């Protein structure tokens, strides 16, 4: 089932090259490792995911802007 889902996702998304912090392309093994770790985290958290920190910052900024507008 997992392999079938991987094929579906591969077909649906154009392949882009992912890069590490140094700007070098990631190997397929590294990408597979990242996906495996991601799956483990999701499994350990009962499917709950975490908000991206940039999204949290944006939400906090918007809330603060609303508060300042009320003054």
C-alpha atoms as a PDB file:
ATOM      1  CA  UNK A   1       0.000   0.000   0.000  1.00  0.00           C
ATOM      2  CA  UNK A   2       2.828   2.395   0.865  1.00  0.00           C
ATOM      3  CA  UNK A   3       4.612   1.765  -2.419  1.00  0.00           C
ATOM      4  CA  UNK A   4       1.385   2.370  -4.326  1.00  0.00           C
ATOM      5  CA  UNK A   5       0.865   5.675  -2.497  1.00  0.00           C
ATOM      6  CA  UNK A   6       4.458   6.680  -3.244  1.00  0.00           C
ATOM      7  CA  UNK A   7       3.878   6.037  -6.942  1.00  0.00           C
ATOM      8  CA  UNK A   8       0.679   8.112  -6.854  1.00  0.00           C
ATOM      9  CA  UNK A   9       2.472  10.993  -5.187  1.00  0.00           C
ATOM     10  CA  UNK A  10       5.402  10.760  -7.584  1.00  0.00           C
ATOM     11  CA  UNK A  11       3.038  10.920 -10.534  1.00  0.00           C
ATOM     12  CA  UNK A  12       1.047  13.847  -9.111  1.00  0.00           C
ATOM     13  CA  UNK A  13       3.933  16.089  -8.136  1.00  0.00           C
ATOM     14  CA  UNK A  14       6.595  17.298 -10.540  1.00  0.00           C
ATOM     15  CA  UNK A  15      10.014  16.247  -9.368  1.00  0.00           C
ATOM     16  CA  UNK A  16      12.008  19.073  -7.914  1.00  0.00           C
ATOM     17  CA  UNK A  17      15.506  18.786  -6.572  1.00  0.00           C
ATOM     18  CA  UNK A  18      15.741  19.323  -2.816  1.00  0.00           C
ATOM     19  CA  UNK A  19      18.833  20.925  -1.392  1.00  0.00           C
ATOM     20  CA  UNK A  20      20.532  20.792   1.986  1.00  0.00           C
ATOM     21  CA  UNK A  21      21.702  23.813   3.982  1.00  0.00           C
ATOM     22  CA  UNK A  22      24.923  24.003   1.997  1.00  0.00           C
ATOM     23  CA  UNK A  23      22.996  24.164  -1.283  1.00  0.00           C
ATOM     24  CA  UNK A  24      23.970  20.662  -2.372  1.00  0.00           C
ATOM     25  CA  UNK A  25      21.302  18.342  -3.802  1.00  0.00           C
ATOM     26  CA  UNK A  26      20.007  15.762  -1.343  1.00  0.00           C
ATOM     27  CA  UNK A  27      20.464  12.139  -2.219  1.00  0.00           C
ATOM     28  CA  UNK A  28      17.470   9.854  -2.602  1.00  0.00           C
ATOM     29  CA  UNK A  29      18.582   7.998   0.527  1.00  0.00           C
ATOM     30  CA  UNK A  30      18.552  11.221   2.560  1.00  0.00           C
ATOM     31  CA  UNK A  31      15.101  12.148   1.260  1.00  0.00           C
ATOM     32  CA  UNK A  32      13.797   8.677   2.105  1.00  0.00           C
ATOM     33  CA  UNK A  33      15.301   9.018   5.594  1.00  0.00           C
ATOM     34  CA  UNK A  34      13.570  12.366   6.106  1.00  0.00           C
ATOM     35  CA  UNK A  35      10.238  10.884   5.021  1.00  0.00           C
ATOM     36  CA  UNK A  36      10.737   7.906   7.336  1.00  0.00           C
ATOM     37  CA  UNK A  37      11.444  10.172  10.307  1.00  0.00           C
ATOM     38  CA  UNK A  38       8.390  12.274   9.408  1.00  0.00           C
ATOM     39  CA  UNK A  39       6.198   9.164   9.349  1.00  0.00           C
ATOM     40  CA  UNK A  40       7.585   8.068  12.730  1.00  0.00           C
ATOM     41  CA  UNK A  41       6.802  11.467  14.258  1.00  0.00           C
ATOM     42  CA  UNK A  42       3.262  11.426  12.900  1.00  0.00           C
ATOM     43  CA  UNK A  43       2.763   7.876  14.195  1.00  0.00           C
ATOM     44  CA  UNK A  44       4.027   8.827  17.667  1.00  0.00           C
ATOM     45  CA  UNK A  45       1.756  11.876  17.823  1.00  0.00           C
ATOM     46  CA  UNK A  46      -1.346   9.947  16.716  1.00  0.00           C
ATOM     47  CA  UNK A  47      -1.476  11.706  13.372  1.00  0.00           C
ATOM     48  CA  UNK A  48      -1.302  15.230  14.757  1.00  0.00           C
ATOM     49  CA  UNK A  49       1.110  17.483  12.976  1.00  0.00           C
ATOM     50  CA  UNK A  50       2.793  20.606  14.239  1.00  0.00           C
ATOM     51  CA  UNK A  51       2.221  24.078  12.866  1.00  0.00           C
ATOM     52  CA  UNK A  52       5.082  25.595  10.989  1.00  0.00           C
ATOM     53  CA  UNK A  53       6.864  28.206  13.118  1.00  0.00           C
ATOM     54  CA  UNK A  54       6.501  30.829  10.385  1.00  0.00           C
ATOM     55  CA  UNK A  55       2.742  30.270  10.408  1.00  0.00           C
ATOM     56  CA  UNK A  56       2.650  30.661  14.189  1.00  0.00           C
ATOM     57  CA  UNK A  57       4.619  33.894  13.941  1.00  0.00           C
ATOM     58  CA  UNK A  58       2.250  35.206  11.274  1.00  0.00           C
ATOM     59  CA  UNK A  59      -0.777  34.365  13.418  1.00  0.00           C
ATOM     60  CA  UNK A  60       0.729  36.073  16.447  1.00  0.00           C
ATOM     61  CA  UNK A  61       1.583  39.149  14.380  1.00  0.00           C
ATOM     62  CA  UNK A  62      -1.954  39.315  12.996  1.00  0.00           C
ATOM     63  CA  UNK A  63      -3.427  38.982  16.478  1.00  0.00           C
ATOM     64  CA  UNK A  64      -1.179  41.754  17.799  1.00  0.00           C
ATOM     65  CA  UNK A  65      -2.145  43.973  14.844  1.00  0.00           C
ATOM     66  CA  UNK A  66      -5.834  43.449  15.640  1.00  0.00           C
ATOM     67  CA  UNK A  67      -5.203  44.336  19.288  1.00  0.00           C
ATOM     68  CA  UNK A  68      -3.396  47.525  18.312  1.00  0.00           C
ATOM     69  CA  UNK A  69      -6.182  48.465  15.889  1.00  0.00           C
ATOM     70  CA  UNK A  70      -8.688  48.251  18.761  1.00  0.00           C
ATOM     71  CA  UNK A  71      -6.770  50.842  20.806  1.00  0.00           C
END
